[in-house]
Protein backbone atom coordinates (compact mmCIF):
# COMPACT_ATOMS: atom_id res chain seq x y z
CA MET A 1 86.15 155.62 139.58
CA ARG A 2 85.85 155.99 135.82
CA ALA A 3 82.06 155.99 136.03
CA THR A 4 82.09 159.22 138.05
CA GLY A 5 84.14 160.91 135.32
CA ASP A 6 81.79 159.58 132.62
CA ILE A 7 78.72 160.82 134.50
CA ASN A 8 80.31 164.22 135.13
CA ALA A 9 81.12 164.48 131.40
CA ILE A 10 77.44 163.84 130.58
CA LEU A 11 76.32 166.48 133.10
CA THR A 12 78.86 169.01 131.76
CA ARG A 13 77.69 168.40 128.19
CA VAL A 14 74.06 168.94 129.20
CA GLU A 15 74.78 172.02 131.32
CA GLU A 16 76.48 173.72 128.37
CA LYS A 17 73.09 173.67 126.60
CA LYS A 18 71.07 175.21 129.43
CA ALA A 19 68.87 178.21 128.91
CA GLN A 20 69.71 181.39 130.77
CA GLY A 21 68.23 181.53 134.26
CA ARG A 22 68.08 177.74 134.70
CA SER A 23 70.28 175.39 136.73
CA LEU A 24 70.90 171.70 136.20
CA SER A 25 69.82 170.01 139.42
CA PHE A 26 69.04 166.68 141.03
CA ILE A 27 65.83 166.61 143.04
CA VAL A 28 65.06 163.62 145.24
CA VAL A 29 61.67 161.93 144.87
CA GLY A 30 60.95 158.78 146.86
CA ASN A 31 64.66 158.27 147.60
CA ARG A 32 65.68 158.43 143.94
CA PRO A 33 67.36 161.31 142.12
CA PHE A 34 65.64 163.00 139.17
CA LEU A 35 67.63 165.21 136.80
CA VAL A 36 65.77 168.47 136.14
CA TRP A 37 66.13 172.09 135.12
CA THR A 38 65.37 174.38 138.04
CA THR A 39 64.91 178.12 138.37
CA PRO A 40 66.93 179.58 141.25
CA SER A 41 64.74 181.28 143.85
CA ALA A 42 65.16 182.50 147.41
CA THR A 43 61.85 181.06 148.58
CA GLY A 44 60.09 179.31 145.71
CA PRO A 45 56.95 180.28 143.83
CA ASP A 46 53.93 181.83 145.42
CA GLU A 47 51.56 179.78 143.29
CA PRO A 48 48.39 178.04 144.43
CA GLY A 49 48.74 174.30 144.05
CA ALA A 50 52.56 174.21 143.94
CA ILE A 51 53.92 170.85 145.05
CA GLY A 52 57.23 169.90 146.64
CA PRO A 53 59.13 167.13 148.37
CA HIS A 54 56.75 166.94 151.33
CA ASP A 55 53.71 166.11 149.19
CA GLU A 56 52.35 162.58 148.81
CA PHE A 57 54.51 160.21 146.75
CA GLN A 58 51.73 159.43 144.24
CA THR A 59 51.06 163.17 143.76
CA LEU A 60 54.74 163.80 142.99
CA ILE A 61 54.99 160.87 140.57
CA LYS A 62 51.96 162.04 138.63
CA ALA A 63 52.89 165.75 138.59
CA LEU A 64 56.50 165.08 137.51
CA GLY A 65 55.50 162.42 134.96
CA LEU A 66 57.80 159.74 136.41
CA LYS A 67 57.86 156.09 135.39
CA ALA A 68 57.00 154.33 138.65
CA ASP A 69 55.18 151.52 140.37
CA LEU A 70 52.65 153.54 142.36
CA ALA A 71 52.20 150.64 144.79
CA ALA A 72 55.87 150.81 145.82
CA LYS A 73 56.58 152.69 149.02
CA PRO A 74 59.63 154.96 148.97
CA HIS A 75 62.14 154.02 151.63
CA LYS A 76 64.36 156.83 152.84
CA ARG A 77 67.86 155.92 153.92
CA SER A 78 70.90 157.63 155.36
CA TRP A 79 74.55 156.58 155.46
CA ILE A 80 77.43 156.13 157.89
CA LEU A 81 81.09 155.28 157.33
CA GLY A 82 82.40 152.57 159.65
CA PRO A 83 85.61 153.82 161.31
CA ILE A 84 87.12 150.33 161.51
CA THR A 85 85.66 148.60 158.44
CA HIS A 86 85.89 151.69 156.18
CA LYS A 87 82.63 150.57 154.60
CA ILE A 88 79.66 152.82 153.99
CA TYR A 89 76.41 151.46 155.37
CA CYS A 90 72.94 152.65 154.34
CA PHE A 91 70.12 152.37 156.86
CA ALA A 92 66.51 153.50 157.16
CA SER A 93 66.32 157.15 158.16
CA PRO A 94 64.15 160.17 157.39
CA ALA A 95 67.32 162.04 156.28
CA GLY A 96 67.13 160.47 152.81
CA ASP A 97 70.77 161.15 151.91
CA CYS A 98 71.66 157.65 150.67
CA LEU A 99 70.06 157.02 147.28
CA VAL A 100 70.21 153.31 146.49
CA HIS A 101 68.75 153.44 142.99
CA GLY A 102 69.39 154.81 139.55
CA LEU A 103 67.88 158.05 138.35
CA TRP A 104 64.17 158.46 137.74
CA GLU A 105 63.10 158.28 134.12
CA SER A 106 60.10 160.09 132.73
CA ALA A 107 57.08 157.98 131.89
CA GLY A 108 57.21 157.12 128.21
CA GLY A 109 60.28 159.32 127.79
CA ALA A 110 58.05 162.40 127.88
CA ALA A 111 59.87 165.71 127.71
CA THR A 112 58.70 168.67 129.77
CA SER A 113 59.95 172.16 130.52
CA PHE A 114 61.88 170.84 133.54
CA HIS A 115 63.02 167.51 131.99
CA ASP A 116 63.55 168.14 128.28
CA ALA A 117 64.77 165.77 125.55
CA GLU A 118 68.41 166.46 126.45
CA LEU A 119 67.78 165.43 130.07
CA VAL A 120 65.81 162.36 128.97
CA ARG A 121 68.85 161.31 126.91
CA ALA A 122 71.33 162.15 129.72
CA THR A 123 69.26 160.20 132.26
CA GLY A 124 69.29 157.14 130.00
CA ASP A 125 73.06 157.45 129.51
CA ILE A 126 73.70 157.78 133.25
CA ASN A 127 71.40 154.87 134.12
CA SER A 128 73.23 152.71 131.53
CA ILE A 129 76.54 153.48 133.24
CA LEU A 130 75.08 152.71 136.68
CA THR A 131 73.50 149.46 135.46
CA GLY A 132 76.79 148.33 133.93
CA ILE A 133 78.72 148.99 137.11
CA ASN A 134 76.05 147.48 139.35
CA ALA A 135 76.23 144.25 137.34
CA LYS A 136 79.83 143.90 138.58
CA ALA A 137 78.90 144.37 142.24
CA GLY A 138 79.81 141.79 144.79
CA ARG A 139 77.17 140.16 146.92
CA GLY A 140 75.75 142.42 149.58
CA LYS A 141 76.94 145.63 147.90
CA ASP A 142 74.78 148.33 146.38
CA LEU A 143 75.87 151.08 144.05
CA SER A 144 74.57 154.21 145.72
CA LEU A 145 74.68 157.96 145.54
CA ILE A 146 75.25 159.50 148.94
CA VAL A 147 74.85 163.21 149.51
CA VAL A 148 77.95 164.99 150.82
CA GLU A 149 77.89 168.79 151.08
CA ASP A 150 74.79 168.90 148.84
CA ARG A 151 76.52 166.95 146.04
CA PRO A 152 75.96 163.33 144.99
CA PHE A 153 78.93 160.98 145.52
CA LEU A 154 78.95 157.55 143.83
CA VAL A 155 79.98 154.80 146.28
CA TRP A 156 79.54 151.13 147.11
CA THR A 157 77.33 150.68 150.17
CA GLU A 158 76.21 147.75 152.27
CA PRO A 159 72.84 147.38 153.92
CA GLY A 160 72.88 148.60 157.50
CA ALA A 161 71.16 147.07 160.46
CA VAL A 162 67.40 147.22 160.66
CA GLY A 163 66.28 150.10 162.85
CA SER A 164 63.27 151.95 164.14
CA HIS A 165 62.79 153.90 160.89
CA ASP A 166 62.52 150.72 158.79
CA ASP A 167 59.27 149.43 157.38
CA PRO A 168 57.40 147.44 160.09
CA ASP A 169 57.46 144.31 157.89
CA ALA A 170 61.27 144.50 157.59
CA ILE A 171 61.61 144.91 161.36
CA GLU A 172 59.33 141.95 162.03
CA LYS A 173 61.28 139.79 159.57
CA ALA A 174 64.68 140.79 160.99
CA LEU A 175 63.56 140.10 164.57
CA GLY A 176 61.67 136.92 163.68
CA LEU A 177 58.36 138.33 164.90
CA LYS A 178 54.88 137.36 163.80
CA GLY A 179 52.88 140.38 162.70
CA GLN A 180 50.28 141.73 165.05
CA ARG A 181 48.73 144.12 162.55
């Protein structure tokens, strides 16, 4: 896929400009990747008030300065490859290794120590590529990043069956139930 090569070229260009001691990384926030500079560490900082992926969604959005609808609930998904159909299906799961969205953008394009002007520009370039490809998608297909061996892989996915990890409203709709809540 040409898009993968284009995205890798953007990431290579950005990584060449990194400061010593930093790594170019994707972190996942609310089932969407965010391109950031990280500092390698065996355990993480021993700082009061440090936040991480297990903190509340609204706390993460605010602390990272992400452009987001705070009312939206993140929906974690995982993926499977059908052995007969050879299609990749994404379904609700706490694993969160199927990312069915573009990259997070910073609110107002704000640059920070972990998402500087170069990463703001790279994120916009990558999202433009993803938007262009997604516009060509067939019905029922999503352009997704799945995580394989800790690396993102760009693939076409199809929605999987509704399961126990789905939002209760989605389960009720799929089963034709009237809400009891």
